[in-house]
Protein backbone atom coordinates (compact mmCIF):
# COMPACT_ATOMS: atom_id res chain seq x y z
CA MET A 1 1.32 -19.27 -16.14
CA GLN A 2 0.28 -18.54 -12.46
CA THR A 3 -1.12 -21.37 -10.44
CA ARG A 4 -4.47 -20.81 -8.31
CA SER A 5 -2.50 -20.03 -5.46
CA THR A 6 -1.07 -17.35 -6.79
CA LEU A 7 -4.01 -15.86 -8.66
CA PHE A 8 -5.67 -16.41 -5.22
CA ARG A 9 -3.01 -14.29 -3.63
CA THR A 10 -3.35 -11.55 -5.85
CA LYS A 11 -7.07 -11.43 -5.47
CA LEU A 12 -6.61 -11.28 -2.06
CA PHE A 13 -4.33 -8.52 -2.23
CA PHE A 14 -6.23 -6.20 -4.27
CA ASN A 15 -9.91 -7.02 -2.31
CA LEU A 16 -7.93 -5.84 0.69
CA GLU A 17 -6.25 -2.99 -0.56
CA CYS A 18 -10.15 -2.04 -2.06
CA ARG A 19 -11.75 -2.25 1.31
CA ILE A 20 -9.12 -0.04 3.00
CA LYS A 21 -7.87 2.49 0.74
CA PHE A 22 -9.96 5.48 1.53
CA ILE A 23 -9.13 4.96 5.06
CA LEU A 24 -5.16 4.42 4.10
CA LEU A 25 -5.38 7.90 2.05
CA LEU A 26 -7.10 9.91 5.07
CA PHE A 27 -3.85 8.50 6.74
CA LEU A 28 -1.84 10.05 4.31
CA ILE A 29 -3.55 13.37 4.56
CA VAL A 30 -2.88 13.34 8.17
CA ALA A 31 0.64 11.89 7.95
CA SER A 32 1.76 14.60 6.01
CA CYS A 33 1.17 17.33 8.37
CA SER A 34 4.94 17.26 9.67
CA SER A 35 6.05 20.19 7.66
CA VAL A 36 2.80 22.38 8.43
CA SER A 37 3.64 25.60 10.04
CA GLY A 38 1.54 27.21 12.68
CA ASN A 39 -0.03 29.63 10.06
CA ASP A 40 -3.69 30.34 11.24
CA ASP A 41 -5.22 30.33 7.71
CA PHE A 42 -3.85 27.11 7.21
CA ALA A 43 -5.21 25.75 10.51
CA ILE A 44 -8.67 27.02 9.46
CA ALA A 45 -7.96 24.89 6.39
CA GLU A 46 -6.94 22.18 8.30
CA ARG A 47 -10.00 21.96 10.51
CA ALA A 48 -12.48 23.09 7.49
CA PHE A 49 -11.38 19.94 5.55
CA PHE A 50 -11.86 17.55 8.71
CA PHE A 51 -15.03 18.43 9.34
CA GLU A 52 -15.70 18.29 5.63
CA ASP A 53 -16.28 22.00 4.75
CA TYR A 54 -14.39 21.12 1.49
CA GLY A 55 -15.44 24.55 -0.22
CA MET A 56 -13.61 26.35 2.29
CA ALA A 57 -10.66 24.20 2.56
CA ARG A 58 -9.99 24.06 -1.14
CA GLU A 59 -10.09 27.85 -1.39
CA LEU A 60 -7.54 28.26 1.46
CA PHE A 61 -5.33 25.08 0.37
CA GLN A 62 -5.53 25.98 -3.49
CA LYS A 63 -3.80 29.55 -2.18
CA TYR A 64 -0.83 27.77 -0.49
CA ALA A 65 -0.46 25.20 -3.11
CA LYS A 66 0.28 27.99 -5.67
CA ASP A 67 2.78 29.41 -3.20
CA GLY A 68 4.43 25.95 -3.18
CA ASN A 69 3.18 24.62 0.16
CA LEU A 70 3.79 20.63 0.06
CA VAL A 71 1.52 19.63 2.07
CA ALA A 72 -1.55 22.18 0.38
CA GLN A 73 -0.58 20.45 -2.91
CA ILE A 74 -1.15 17.22 -1.37
CA ARG A 75 -4.65 18.09 0.26
CA LEU A 76 -5.41 19.48 -2.80
CA GLY A 77 -4.79 16.75 -5.16
CA VAL A 78 -6.40 14.28 -2.62
CA MET A 79 -9.51 16.31 -2.80
CA TYR A 80 -9.93 16.08 -6.44
CA TYR A 81 -8.49 12.16 -6.58
CA ARG A 82 -11.70 11.51 -4.32
CA GLY A 83 -14.12 14.08 -5.36
CA LEU A 84 -13.89 15.49 -1.78
CA GLY A 85 -16.38 18.67 -2.40
CA VAL A 86 -15.06 18.97 -5.97
CA LYS A 87 -16.15 17.14 -9.17
CA LYS A 88 -13.59 14.03 -9.38
CA ASP A 89 -10.78 15.14 -11.84
CA HIS A 90 -7.82 13.18 -12.17
CA ALA A 91 -5.83 15.50 -14.37
CA GLU A 92 -6.07 18.10 -11.60
CA ALA A 93 -5.12 15.60 -8.73
CA LEU A 94 -2.29 14.52 -11.09
CA LYS A 95 -1.20 18.38 -11.38
CA TRP A 96 -1.16 19.14 -7.64
CA LEU A 97 0.38 16.06 -6.65
CA MET A 98 3.06 16.03 -9.19
CA LEU A 99 4.19 19.46 -7.92
CA ALA A 100 4.88 17.56 -4.46
CA ALA A 101 5.90 14.10 -6.09
CA GLN A 102 8.85 15.86 -7.96
CA GLN A 103 10.00 17.33 -4.50
CA GLY A 104 10.36 14.01 -2.92
CA ARG A 105 6.97 13.77 -1.20
CA ALA A 106 6.50 9.73 -0.72
CA GLU A 107 2.83 9.83 -0.15
CA ALA A 108 2.55 12.29 -3.25
CA GLN A 109 4.75 9.61 -5.17
CA TYR A 110 2.55 6.81 -4.34
CA LEU A 111 -0.73 8.54 -5.42
CA VAL A 112 0.55 9.77 -8.76
CA GLY A 113 1.49 5.91 -9.42
CA GLU A 114 -2.20 5.23 -8.56
CA ILE A 115 -3.68 7.87 -10.62
CA LEU A 116 -1.38 6.79 -13.73
CA PHE A 117 -1.88 3.07 -13.12
CA GLU A 118 -5.82 3.02 -13.27
CA PRO A 119 -7.25 6.63 -13.64
CA GLN A 120 -10.66 7.33 -13.17
CA THR A 121 -11.52 10.06 -15.28
CA SER A 122 -11.36 10.12 -18.93
CA ASN A 123 -9.01 13.30 -18.78
CA VAL A 124 -5.59 11.04 -17.79
CA LYS A 125 -4.08 8.39 -19.88
CA ALA A 126 -3.36 5.12 -18.11
CA SER A 127 0.40 4.43 -18.21
CA ARG A 128 1.29 1.24 -15.76
CA SER A 129 5.09 1.99 -16.88
CA GLU A 130 4.85 5.65 -15.61
CA ALA A 131 2.84 4.42 -12.34
CA PHE A 132 5.97 1.80 -11.80
CA VAL A 133 8.51 4.63 -11.97
CA TRP A 134 6.46 6.73 -9.23
CA TYR A 135 5.75 3.64 -6.93
CA ASN A 136 9.49 2.80 -6.96
CA LYS A 137 10.25 6.26 -5.64
CA ALA A 138 8.02 6.11 -2.74
CA ALA A 139 8.78 2.57 -1.97
CA ASP A 140 12.55 3.34 -2.12
CA GLN A 141 11.67 6.00 0.69
CA GLY A 142 10.18 3.01 2.53
CA PHE A 143 6.23 4.00 2.22
CA ASP A 144 4.42 0.64 2.87
CA LEU A 145 1.72 1.10 0.29
CA ALA A 146 3.90 1.83 -2.37
CA ILE A 147 6.27 -1.44 -1.34
CA ARG A 148 2.98 -3.43 -1.61
CA ARG A 149 2.29 -1.69 -4.87
CA MET A 150 6.08 -3.01 -6.24
CA ALA A 151 5.13 -6.46 -5.56
CA ILE A 152 2.19 -6.36 -6.92
CA CYS A 153 3.56 -4.97 -10.54
CA TYR A 154 6.40 -7.91 -10.18
CA ASP A 155 3.89 -10.32 -9.28
CA LEU A 156 1.78 -9.78 -12.54
CA GLY A 157 3.69 -7.87 -14.52
CA GLU A 158 1.87 -4.67 -14.75
CA GLY A 159 4.10 -1.94 -15.94
CA ILE A 160 7.36 -4.05 -15.62
CA PRO A 161 8.23 -7.21 -16.90
CA LYS A 162 6.85 -10.60 -14.58
CA ASP A 163 9.77 -11.55 -11.79
CA TYR A 164 8.66 -13.78 -9.02
CA VAL A 165 11.90 -13.19 -7.41
CA LYS A 166 11.67 -9.44 -7.15
CA ALA A 167 7.73 -9.70 -6.16
CA PHE A 168 8.69 -12.10 -3.59
CA ASN A 169 11.61 -9.62 -2.14
CA TRP A 170 9.21 -6.73 -2.14
CA TYR A 171 6.16 -8.93 -0.68
CA LEU A 172 9.17 -9.92 2.35
CA ARG A 173 10.10 -6.24 2.97
CA GLY A 174 6.37 -5.41 3.22
CA ALA A 175 5.66 -8.29 5.35
CA GLU A 176 8.83 -7.08 7.86
CA LEU A 177 6.99 -3.59 7.78
CA GLY A 178 3.90 -5.85 9.06
CA ASP A 179 1.72 -5.53 6.06
CA PHE A 180 -0.60 -8.35 6.76
CA ALA A 181 -1.41 -8.96 2.80
CA CYS A 182 2.09 -9.04 2.04
CA GLN A 183 2.80 -11.48 5.13
CA TYR A 184 0.19 -13.59 3.90
CA CYS A 185 1.61 -13.36 0.10
CA VAL A 186 5.37 -14.42 1.38
CA GLY A 187 3.89 -17.50 3.46
CA VAL A 188 2.01 -18.54 0.06
CA MET A 189 5.45 -18.20 -1.91
CA TYR A 190 7.39 -19.90 0.71
CA GLU A 191 4.65 -22.88 0.71
CA GLU A 192 4.92 -22.93 -3.24
CA GLY A 193 8.60 -22.28 -3.65
CA ASN A 194 7.48 -19.28 -6.16
CA GLY A 195 10.09 -16.46 -6.23
CA THR A 196 12.28 -18.21 -3.60
CA GLU A 197 13.31 -21.38 -2.31
CA LYS A 198 10.22 -23.92 -0.90
CA ASN A 199 10.51 -23.49 3.00
CA LEU A 200 7.45 -25.14 4.91
CA ILE A 201 8.61 -23.55 8.43
CA GLU A 202 8.64 -20.15 6.88
CA ALA A 203 5.58 -20.29 5.32
CA TYR A 204 4.15 -21.53 8.95
CA LYS A 205 6.13 -18.75 10.75
CA TRP A 206 4.53 -16.00 8.28
CA PHE A 207 0.72 -17.60 8.07
CA HIS A 208 1.19 -17.55 12.08
CA ILE A 209 2.14 -14.38 12.21
CA VAL A 210 -0.89 -12.96 10.07
CA THR A 211 -3.19 -14.82 12.70
CA PHE A 212 -1.92 -12.72 15.43
CA GLY A 213 -1.97 -9.46 13.49
CA VAL A 214 -4.05 -6.87 12.44
CA ALA A 215 -5.87 -8.50 9.91
CA PRO A 216 -9.46 -8.63 9.27
CA SER A 217 -11.28 -11.65 10.76
CA MET A 218 -11.78 -13.07 7.36
CA GLN A 219 -8.48 -13.11 6.10
CA LYS A 220 -7.28 -14.32 9.63
CA GLY A 221 -9.71 -16.94 9.29
CA TRP A 222 -8.22 -17.95 5.87
CA THR A 223 -4.93 -17.82 7.08
CA LEU A 224 -5.35 -19.98 9.84
CA LEU A 225 -6.91 -22.63 7.86
CA LYS A 226 -3.89 -22.48 5.23
CA ARG A 227 -1.79 -22.71 8.22
CA ASP A 228 -3.71 -25.55 9.93
CA ILE A 229 -3.38 -27.64 6.24
CA LEU A 230 0.37 -26.65 5.92
CA LYS A 231 0.70 -28.82 9.32
CA SER A 232 -0.38 -31.52 8.02
CA SER A 233 2.74 -31.48 5.60
CA MET A 234 5.31 -30.88 8.44
CA LYS A 235 7.07 -32.78 11.49
CA PRO A 236 6.46 -31.79 15.26
CA GLU A 237 9.77 -30.23 15.34
CA GLU A 238 9.45 -28.01 12.12
CA ILE A 239 6.54 -26.90 13.44
CA ALA A 240 7.87 -25.88 17.09
CA GLU A 241 10.66 -24.45 15.27
CA ALA A 242 8.29 -22.02 13.02
CA ARG A 243 5.98 -21.16 15.99
CA ARG A 244 9.50 -20.02 17.72
CA LEU A 245 10.32 -17.72 14.89
CA ALA A 246 6.73 -16.22 14.61
CA ASP A 247 6.89 -15.58 18.14
CA ALA A 248 10.28 -14.13 18.32
CA TRP A 249 9.30 -11.53 15.21
CA LEU A 250 5.88 -10.76 17.30
CA ASN A 251 7.46 -10.11 20.43
CA LYS A 252 10.12 -8.00 18.63
CA LYS A 253 7.06 -5.53 17.37
């Protein structure tokens, strides 16, 4: 049975994800440009997409996607996933994203997982066990959103048996990459001794890192409160060591 802290940890994670998901998806689209050629028509499609002329973008991307262009397949998949200039259709999104995912594109693998985890159109059946497989493929390539999802899957037992040790390890991996939600979760798990040995120095360290990172102000404020409550259970030398470790981590970034 989950503790109240564990339940809050999960709620925090999903709330943060919902608020930033669309921005992150747009980032995925930009990030996938690395393989784009200098083709003039493709450049026109890119400009049309970013200036929200989705009709032209879809027409051009569809042509390239059919010819096997991975970036066009991802663009087209995202358009159907989000309903950008087309009716939202997760079956159509899955068709295009799966083509890129099967060829190893981590962002496409992650999005395939998102669709299968919780489809938003009735023509796709949810399969959290299959979603987990695709999250795992993307996470193995170091894709940060997939790493976060892997942690949640193990934390909640979504698509895979619950395993707090594995959840902790995935949260820690995400934390080391700079994911503030994962950093907070690592701090809570160290504080509770959940999935790892209890370690208040490490808990304080990760809470301290969150307060100096890129987390939104509301999450920073809550984490600061958690850190200061934890401080009352620690010796001055333990607090000093936790701050030293946190500063060392922050300075290496």
